[in-house]
Amino acid sequence: MIVEMVIYTDGACRGNPGPGGWGAVLEYSTVSKHLFGGEAHTTNNRMELTAVIRALEALKRPCVIAVVSDSKYVLQGITEWLPNWKLKGWKNAAKKPVMNSDLWQQLDQLAIQHKITWQWVKGHSGHPQNELADQLANRGIDELHLVNSIK
C-alpha cells in the first residue's frame, strides 16, 4: 500500500482530568496542515482520540493514510480492542462500559472511510512531527486559557 498522506496526532492534559488540548499535523506531498483545539474539562485519552478524529474529519475524500501517534491507548484500541468492543455491545473484557465509547464510535466510522495503517512513535523523543503535534495540543490548552481570561 502506497501511503498518500501521513497524519501525526497528539493529545495533552493539564491535570487528568483537567483542561486538555489536541493537535494534528497532516502531510500530503509538500503540503502540511496544522489543526488544534481544546476542551475545558477532559482527559488525556479523550484528547488523544479527538486529535485523530478531527484530523480524519478534515479530509475531503477517502485517502491512504499512515496515522502516527504516541498513544498506545489509541493504537491498541483501534487495532486490537475495537472489534471485541463492538461484538460485546461496547463492553470491555470486565463487562463494563467501554470508556470514551462515544469517541471510539466516531473514530470507527471515520476510519472505515480510508485505508489506514497505524504507527506508534515514542513521545517526547525528538521526532519533529510528533513534537509539533504536541506543541499544537498545548496551544489548544493555552488558547482555552486566553479565551477564558478575556471573558
N, C-alpha and C. Protein backbone atom coordinates (compact mmCIF):
# COMPACT_ATOMS: atom_id res chain seq x y z
N MET A 1 0.85 -1.18 0.00
CA MET A 1 0.00 0.00 0.00
C MET A 1 0.90 1.24 0.00
N ILE A 2 0.66 2.13 -0.92
CA ILE A 2 1.40 3.38 -1.00
C ILE A 2 0.69 4.41 -0.14
N VAL A 3 1.42 4.99 0.80
CA VAL A 3 0.85 5.99 1.70
C VAL A 3 0.79 7.33 0.96
N GLU A 4 -0.39 7.88 0.86
CA GLU A 4 -0.57 9.19 0.24
C GLU A 4 -0.37 10.31 1.25
N MET A 5 -0.79 10.06 2.47
CA MET A 5 -0.81 11.10 3.50
C MET A 5 -0.33 10.52 4.82
N VAL A 6 0.35 11.37 5.59
CA VAL A 6 0.74 10.98 6.94
C VAL A 6 0.10 11.98 7.90
N ILE A 7 -0.50 11.45 8.94
CA ILE A 7 -1.13 12.27 9.97
C ILE A 7 -0.45 11.96 11.30
N TYR A 8 0.05 13.00 11.94
CA TYR A 8 0.68 12.89 13.26
C TYR A 8 -0.26 13.52 14.27
N THR A 9 -0.56 12.81 15.35
CA THR A 9 -1.52 13.34 16.32
C THR A 9 -0.95 13.26 17.74
N ASP A 10 -1.49 14.14 18.58
CA ASP A 10 -1.14 14.09 20.00
C ASP A 10 -2.24 14.77 20.81
N GLY A 11 -2.35 14.34 22.04
CA GLY A 11 -3.26 14.96 22.99
C GLY A 11 -2.47 15.38 24.22
N ALA A 12 -3.02 16.33 24.95
CA ALA A 12 -2.36 16.81 26.17
C ALA A 12 -3.43 17.19 27.18
N CYS A 13 -3.06 17.10 28.44
CA CYS A 13 -3.99 17.48 29.50
C CYS A 13 -3.17 18.05 30.66
N ARG A 14 -3.66 19.11 31.25
CA ARG A 14 -3.01 19.69 32.43
C ARG A 14 -3.89 19.35 33.62
N GLY A 15 -3.52 18.26 34.23
CA GLY A 15 -4.39 17.60 35.20
C GLY A 15 -5.11 16.53 34.40
N ASN A 16 -5.47 15.44 35.01
CA ASN A 16 -6.15 14.38 34.27
C ASN A 16 -7.23 13.78 35.16
N PRO A 17 -8.44 14.33 35.16
CA PRO A 17 -8.96 15.29 34.18
C PRO A 17 -8.53 16.73 34.49
N GLY A 18 -8.72 17.54 33.46
CA GLY A 18 -8.39 18.96 33.54
C GLY A 18 -8.54 19.58 32.17
N PRO A 19 -8.02 20.77 31.98
CA PRO A 19 -8.06 21.37 30.65
C PRO A 19 -7.17 20.57 29.71
N GLY A 20 -7.68 20.32 28.51
CA GLY A 20 -6.94 19.49 27.57
C GLY A 20 -6.91 20.08 26.18
N GLY A 21 -5.96 19.59 25.40
CA GLY A 21 -5.84 20.03 24.02
C GLY A 21 -5.45 18.88 23.12
N TRP A 22 -5.68 19.08 21.85
CA TRP A 22 -5.31 18.07 20.85
C TRP A 22 -4.64 18.78 19.67
N GLY A 23 -3.77 18.07 19.01
CA GLY A 23 -3.08 18.63 17.86
C GLY A 23 -2.89 17.58 16.79
N ALA A 24 -2.89 18.02 15.54
CA ALA A 24 -2.68 17.11 14.41
C ALA A 24 -1.90 17.82 13.32
N VAL A 25 -0.98 17.09 12.74
CA VAL A 25 -0.21 17.57 11.59
C VAL A 25 -0.56 16.64 10.43
N LEU A 26 -1.14 17.20 9.38
CA LEU A 26 -1.50 16.42 8.19
C LEU A 26 -0.50 16.77 7.10
N GLU A 27 0.17 15.75 6.55
CA GLU A 27 1.15 15.98 5.50
C GLU A 27 0.76 15.21 4.25
N TYR A 28 0.69 15.94 3.14
CA TYR A 28 0.39 15.35 1.84
C TYR A 28 1.34 15.97 0.84
N SER A 29 2.21 15.16 0.25
CA SER A 29 3.20 15.65 -0.69
C SER A 29 4.02 16.76 -0.02
N THR A 30 3.97 17.96 -0.55
CA THR A 30 4.73 19.07 0.06
C THR A 30 3.85 19.98 0.91
N VAL A 31 2.59 19.60 1.10
CA VAL A 31 1.64 20.42 1.84
C VAL A 31 1.50 19.90 3.27
N SER A 32 1.49 20.82 4.21
CA SER A 32 1.31 20.47 5.62
C SER A 32 0.21 21.35 6.20
N LYS A 33 -0.72 20.72 6.92
CA LYS A 33 -1.81 21.46 7.56
C LYS A 33 -1.76 21.16 9.06
N HIS A 34 -1.95 22.19 9.87
CA HIS A 34 -1.90 22.04 11.32
C HIS A 34 -3.28 22.32 11.90
N LEU A 35 -3.74 21.42 12.76
CA LEU A 35 -5.04 21.56 13.42
C LEU A 35 -4.84 21.44 14.92
N PHE A 36 -5.64 22.16 15.68
CA PHE A 36 -5.58 22.04 17.14
C PHE A 36 -6.88 22.56 17.74
N GLY A 37 -7.10 22.19 18.98
CA GLY A 37 -8.26 22.67 19.72
C GLY A 37 -8.14 22.22 21.16
N GLY A 38 -9.12 22.59 21.95
CA GLY A 38 -9.05 22.23 23.36
C GLY A 38 -10.43 22.14 23.99
N GLU A 39 -10.45 21.57 25.17
CA GLU A 39 -11.67 21.44 25.97
C GLU A 39 -11.33 21.80 27.41
N ALA A 40 -12.24 22.47 28.06
CA ALA A 40 -12.00 22.97 29.42
C ALA A 40 -11.85 21.85 30.46
N HIS A 41 -12.60 20.77 30.31
CA HIS A 41 -12.55 19.68 31.29
C HIS A 41 -12.61 18.36 30.54
N THR A 42 -11.49 17.65 30.53
CA THR A 42 -11.40 16.43 29.75
C THR A 42 -10.29 15.55 30.31
N THR A 43 -9.96 14.49 29.57
CA THR A 43 -8.85 13.61 29.96
C THR A 43 -7.86 13.51 28.80
N ASN A 44 -6.67 13.05 29.13
CA ASN A 44 -5.65 12.89 28.10
C ASN A 44 -6.11 11.90 27.03
N ASN A 45 -6.70 10.78 27.44
CA ASN A 45 -7.15 9.79 26.44
C ASN A 45 -8.20 10.38 25.50
N ARG A 46 -9.10 11.18 26.02
CA ARG A 46 -10.11 11.80 25.16
C ARG A 46 -9.44 12.75 24.15
N MET A 47 -8.42 13.46 24.58
CA MET A 47 -7.73 14.37 23.67
C MET A 47 -6.92 13.61 22.62
N GLU A 48 -6.32 12.49 23.00
CA GLU A 48 -5.60 11.65 22.04
C GLU A 48 -6.57 11.17 20.94
N LEU A 49 -7.74 10.71 21.34
CA LEU A 49 -8.75 10.26 20.38
C LEU A 49 -9.28 11.41 19.53
N THR A 50 -9.53 12.54 20.17
CA THR A 50 -10.07 13.70 19.46
C THR A 50 -9.11 14.17 18.38
N ALA A 51 -7.80 14.11 18.64
CA ALA A 51 -6.82 14.53 17.64
C ALA A 51 -6.96 13.72 16.35
N VAL A 52 -7.11 12.41 16.49
CA VAL A 52 -7.25 11.56 15.30
C VAL A 52 -8.59 11.83 14.62
N ILE A 53 -9.65 11.96 15.40
CA ILE A 53 -10.98 12.21 14.85
C ILE A 53 -10.99 13.52 14.05
N ARG A 54 -10.49 14.59 14.63
CA ARG A 54 -10.51 15.89 13.95
C ARG A 54 -9.66 15.87 12.68
N ALA A 55 -8.54 15.16 12.72
CA ALA A 55 -7.70 15.04 11.52
C ALA A 55 -8.46 14.31 10.41
N LEU A 56 -9.11 13.20 10.75
CA LEU A 56 -9.85 12.44 9.72
C LEU A 56 -11.06 13.22 9.22
N GLU A 57 -11.70 13.98 10.11
CA GLU A 57 -12.84 14.81 9.69
C GLU A 57 -12.41 15.89 8.69
N ALA A 58 -11.17 16.29 8.74
CA ALA A 58 -10.68 17.36 7.86
C ALA A 58 -10.48 16.88 6.42
N LEU A 59 -10.48 15.57 6.21
CA LEU A 59 -10.23 15.04 4.86
C LEU A 59 -11.50 15.12 4.03
N LYS A 60 -11.34 15.48 2.77
CA LYS A 60 -12.48 15.68 1.88
C LYS A 60 -12.83 14.46 1.04
N ARG A 61 -11.93 13.46 1.02
CA ARG A 61 -12.20 12.26 0.23
C ARG A 61 -11.46 11.09 0.88
N PRO A 62 -11.81 9.86 0.52
CA PRO A 62 -11.09 8.71 1.06
C PRO A 62 -9.61 8.77 0.67
N CYS A 63 -8.75 8.42 1.62
CA CYS A 63 -7.31 8.50 1.42
C CYS A 63 -6.62 7.24 1.92
N VAL A 64 -5.39 7.07 1.49
CA VAL A 64 -4.50 6.07 2.04
C VAL A 64 -3.60 6.83 3.02
N ILE A 65 -3.65 6.43 4.28
CA ILE A 65 -3.07 7.24 5.35
C ILE A 65 -2.21 6.39 6.28
N ALA A 66 -1.14 6.97 6.75
CA ALA A 66 -0.42 6.44 7.91
C ALA A 66 -0.74 7.41 9.05
N VAL A 67 -1.37 6.91 10.10
CA VAL A 67 -1.61 7.71 11.29
C VAL A 67 -0.51 7.35 12.29
N VAL A 68 0.23 8.37 12.71
CA VAL A 68 1.34 8.18 13.63
C VAL A 68 0.98 8.85 14.96
N SER A 69 1.03 8.08 16.03
CA SER A 69 0.63 8.58 17.35
C SER A 69 1.58 8.03 18.41
N ASP A 70 1.73 8.79 19.49
CA ASP A 70 2.50 8.28 20.62
C ASP A 70 1.58 7.65 21.67
N SER A 71 0.30 7.50 21.33
CA SER A 71 -0.68 6.96 22.26
C SER A 71 -0.92 5.47 22.01
N LYS A 72 -0.40 4.64 22.91
CA LYS A 72 -0.68 3.20 22.79
C LYS A 72 -2.16 2.93 23.02
N TYR A 73 -2.81 3.77 23.80
CA TYR A 73 -4.25 3.64 24.03
C TYR A 73 -5.00 3.73 22.71
N VAL A 74 -4.70 4.73 21.90
CA VAL A 74 -5.36 4.89 20.61
C VAL A 74 -5.01 3.73 19.69
N LEU A 75 -3.73 3.43 19.59
CA LEU A 75 -3.29 2.40 18.63
C LEU A 75 -3.79 1.01 19.00
N GLN A 76 -3.68 0.64 20.26
CA GLN A 76 -4.18 -0.67 20.67
C GLN A 76 -5.70 -0.72 20.57
N GLY A 77 -6.32 0.38 20.94
CA GLY A 77 -7.78 0.42 20.88
C GLY A 77 -8.29 0.18 19.47
N ILE A 78 -7.74 0.90 18.49
CA ILE A 78 -8.25 0.80 17.13
C ILE A 78 -7.84 -0.51 16.46
N THR A 79 -6.66 -1.03 16.77
CA THR A 79 -6.18 -2.22 16.07
C THR A 79 -6.48 -3.53 16.79
N GLU A 80 -6.65 -3.49 18.12
CA GLU A 80 -6.83 -4.74 18.87
C GLU A 80 -8.18 -4.84 19.59
N TRP A 81 -8.54 -3.80 20.33
CA TRP A 81 -9.69 -3.90 21.22
C TRP A 81 -11.02 -3.61 20.56
N LEU A 82 -11.03 -2.73 19.58
CA LEU A 82 -12.29 -2.26 18.98
C LEU A 82 -13.19 -3.38 18.45
N PRO A 83 -12.67 -4.36 17.71
CA PRO A 83 -13.58 -5.40 17.20
C PRO A 83 -14.35 -6.12 18.31
N ASN A 84 -13.67 -6.43 19.41
CA ASN A 84 -14.35 -7.11 20.52
C ASN A 84 -15.35 -6.19 21.22
N TRP A 85 -15.00 -4.92 21.37
CA TRP A 85 -15.94 -3.99 21.99
C TRP A 85 -17.24 -3.95 21.18
N LYS A 86 -17.10 -3.90 19.87
CA LYS A 86 -18.30 -3.84 19.02
C LYS A 86 -19.12 -5.12 19.16
N LEU A 87 -18.45 -6.26 19.15
CA LEU A 87 -19.14 -7.55 19.28
C LEU A 87 -19.87 -7.66 20.62
N LYS A 88 -19.28 -7.08 21.66
CA LYS A 88 -19.83 -7.19 23.02
C LYS A 88 -20.71 -6.00 23.39
N GLY A 89 -21.17 -5.25 22.39
CA GLY A 89 -22.07 -4.13 22.67
C GLY A 89 -21.40 -3.01 23.45
N TRP A 90 -20.16 -2.72 23.11
CA TRP A 90 -19.38 -1.65 23.74
C TRP A 90 -19.16 -1.90 25.23
N LYS A 91 -18.90 -3.17 25.54
CA LYS A 91 -18.48 -3.57 26.89
C LYS A 91 -17.05 -4.08 26.79
N ASN A 92 -16.25 -3.84 27.83
CA ASN A 92 -14.87 -4.32 27.83
C ASN A 92 -14.80 -5.75 28.36
N ALA A 93 -13.58 -6.25 28.52
CA ALA A 93 -13.40 -7.64 28.97
C ALA A 93 -14.00 -7.87 30.36
N ALA A 94 -14.07 -6.81 31.17
CA ALA A 94 -14.67 -6.92 32.51
C ALA A 94 -16.18 -6.71 32.48
N LYS A 95 -16.74 -6.65 31.27
CA LYS A 95 -18.19 -6.45 31.06
C LYS A 95 -18.69 -5.10 31.55
N LYS A 96 -17.79 -4.14 31.62
CA LYS A 96 -18.13 -2.76 31.98
C LYS A 96 -18.19 -1.94 30.70
N PRO A 97 -18.94 -0.83 30.72
CA PRO A 97 -18.98 0.02 29.52
C PRO A 97 -17.58 0.51 29.14
N VAL A 98 -17.31 0.50 27.85
CA VAL A 98 -16.02 0.98 27.34
C VAL A 98 -15.92 2.48 27.61
N MET A 99 -14.81 2.90 28.21
CA MET A 99 -14.61 4.32 28.44
C MET A 99 -14.41 5.02 27.09
N ASN A 100 -14.96 6.19 26.97
CA ASN A 100 -14.85 7.01 25.76
C ASN A 100 -15.50 6.36 24.54
N SER A 101 -16.51 5.54 24.77
CA SER A 101 -17.15 4.82 23.65
C SER A 101 -17.73 5.79 22.61
N ASP A 102 -18.14 6.98 23.04
CA ASP A 102 -18.65 7.95 22.06
C ASP A 102 -17.57 8.31 21.05
N LEU A 103 -16.35 8.52 21.53
CA LEU A 103 -15.26 8.87 20.63
C LEU A 103 -14.78 7.66 19.83
N TRP A 104 -14.73 6.50 20.46
CA TRP A 104 -14.34 5.29 19.73
C TRP A 104 -15.31 5.01 18.57
N GLN A 105 -16.60 5.23 18.80
CA GLN A 105 -17.57 5.00 17.74
C GLN A 105 -17.39 6.01 16.60
N GLN A 106 -17.09 7.27 16.94
CA GLN A 106 -16.82 8.27 15.91
C GLN A 106 -15.58 7.88 15.11
N LEU A 107 -14.53 7.50 15.81
CA LEU A 107 -13.29 7.12 15.14
C LEU A 107 -13.50 5.91 14.25
N ASP A 108 -14.24 4.95 14.71
CA ASP A 108 -14.54 3.75 13.92
C ASP A 108 -15.24 4.13 12.61
N GLN A 109 -16.24 4.99 12.69
CA GLN A 109 -16.97 5.41 11.49
C GLN A 109 -16.08 6.19 10.51
N LEU A 110 -15.21 7.01 11.02
CA LEU A 110 -14.31 7.78 10.15
C LEU A 110 -13.23 6.87 9.55
N ALA A 111 -12.70 5.96 10.34
CA ALA A 111 -11.59 5.12 9.88
C ALA A 111 -12.01 4.20 8.73
N ILE A 112 -13.23 3.73 8.73
CA ILE A 112 -13.64 2.80 7.67
C ILE A 112 -13.75 3.48 6.30
N GLN A 113 -13.71 4.80 6.28
CA GLN A 113 -13.77 5.52 5.01
C GLN A 113 -12.41 5.59 4.32
N HIS A 114 -11.36 5.17 5.01
CA HIS A 114 -9.99 5.31 4.50
C HIS A 114 -9.25 3.99 4.62
N LYS A 115 -8.09 3.91 3.98
CA LYS A 115 -7.15 2.80 4.19
C LYS A 115 -6.07 3.35 5.11
N ILE A 116 -6.06 2.86 6.34
CA ILE A 116 -5.17 3.43 7.36
C ILE A 116 -4.22 2.38 7.91
N THR A 117 -2.96 2.75 7.99
CA THR A 117 -2.01 1.99 8.80
C THR A 117 -1.75 2.82 10.05
N TRP A 118 -1.61 2.14 11.16
CA TRP A 118 -1.46 2.80 12.46
C TRP A 118 -0.05 2.56 12.95
N GLN A 119 0.66 3.63 13.27
CA GLN A 119 2.06 3.52 13.67
C GLN A 119 2.29 4.24 15.00
N TRP A 120 3.11 3.62 15.83
CA TRP A 120 3.45 4.21 17.12
C TRP A 120 4.81 4.88 17.03
N VAL A 121 4.95 6.02 17.67
CA VAL A 121 6.22 6.71 17.82
C VAL A 121 6.36 7.06 19.30
N LYS A 122 7.55 6.92 19.82
CA LYS A 122 7.77 7.27 21.22
C LYS A 122 7.61 8.77 21.40
N GLY A 123 6.78 9.16 22.35
CA GLY A 123 6.54 10.58 22.62
C GLY A 123 7.75 11.26 23.24
N HIS A 124 7.88 12.54 22.98
CA HIS A 124 8.93 13.38 23.56
C HIS A 124 10.33 12.80 23.32
N SER A 125 10.50 12.24 22.12
CA SER A 125 11.79 11.62 21.78
C SER A 125 12.51 12.37 20.66
N GLY A 126 12.01 13.57 20.35
CA GLY A 126 12.67 14.37 19.33
C GLY A 126 12.15 14.17 17.91
N HIS A 127 11.11 13.36 17.74
CA HIS A 127 10.52 13.17 16.40
C HIS A 127 9.85 14.50 16.02
N PRO A 128 10.30 15.17 14.95
CA PRO A 128 9.85 16.53 14.66
C PRO A 128 8.32 16.70 14.54
N GLN A 129 7.66 15.82 13.81
CA GLN A 129 6.21 15.99 13.63
C GLN A 129 5.44 15.64 14.89
N ASN A 130 5.94 14.66 15.66
CA ASN A 130 5.29 14.34 16.92
C ASN A 130 5.45 15.49 17.90
N GLU A 131 6.63 16.10 17.91
CA GLU A 131 6.85 17.26 18.78
C GLU A 131 5.94 18.42 18.37
N LEU A 132 5.76 18.60 17.06
CA LEU A 132 4.87 19.65 16.57
C LEU A 132 3.43 19.38 16.97
N ALA A 133 2.99 18.12 16.84
CA ALA A 133 1.63 17.77 17.27
C ALA A 133 1.45 18.04 18.76
N ASP A 134 2.47 17.76 19.55
CA ASP A 134 2.43 18.04 20.99
C ASP A 134 2.33 19.55 21.24
N GLN A 135 3.10 20.34 20.50
CA GLN A 135 3.03 21.80 20.64
C GLN A 135 1.65 22.32 20.28
N LEU A 136 1.06 21.75 19.24
CA LEU A 136 -0.29 22.17 18.83
C LEU A 136 -1.31 21.81 19.91
N ALA A 137 -1.18 20.61 20.51
CA ALA A 137 -2.09 20.21 21.58
C ALA A 137 -2.00 21.18 22.75
N ASN A 138 -0.77 21.55 23.10
CA ASN A 138 -0.59 22.50 24.20
C ASN A 138 -1.09 23.89 23.83
N ARG A 139 -0.99 24.25 22.56
CA ARG A 139 -1.56 25.52 22.10
C ARG A 139 -3.08 25.51 22.27
N GLY A 140 -3.70 24.35 22.03
CA GLY A 140 -5.13 24.23 22.26
C GLY A 140 -5.51 24.55 23.69
N ILE A 141 -4.69 24.08 24.63
CA ILE A 141 -4.94 24.39 26.05
C ILE A 141 -4.69 25.87 26.32
N ASP A 142 -3.56 26.37 25.81
CA ASP A 142 -3.21 27.77 26.04
C ASP A 142 -4.28 28.72 25.52
N GLU A 143 -4.84 28.41 24.37
CA GLU A 143 -5.88 29.29 23.81
C GLU A 143 -7.18 29.20 24.59
N LEU A 144 -7.43 28.07 25.24
CA LEU A 144 -8.58 27.99 26.15
C LEU A 144 -8.41 29.01 27.28
N HIS A 145 -7.21 29.03 27.86
CA HIS A 145 -6.93 29.95 28.95
C HIS A 145 -7.02 31.40 28.48
N LEU A 146 -6.57 31.66 27.27
CA LEU A 146 -6.62 33.01 26.70
C LEU A 146 -8.08 33.46 26.56
N VAL A 147 -8.92 32.58 26.00
CA VAL A 147 -10.34 32.91 25.82
C VAL A 147 -10.99 33.13 27.17
N ASN A 148 -10.70 32.27 28.14
CA ASN A 148 -11.30 32.40 29.46
C ASN A 148 -10.86 33.67 30.19
N SER A 149 -9.62 34.10 29.94
CA SER A 149 -9.15 35.32 30.60
C SER A 149 -9.76 36.58 29.99
N ILE A 150 -10.23 36.49 28.75
CA ILE A 150 -10.84 37.64 28.08
C ILE A 150 -12.30 37.81 28.53
N LYS A 151 -12.94 36.71 28.89
CA LYS A 151 -14.37 36.76 29.27
C LYS A 151 -14.61 37.57 30.51
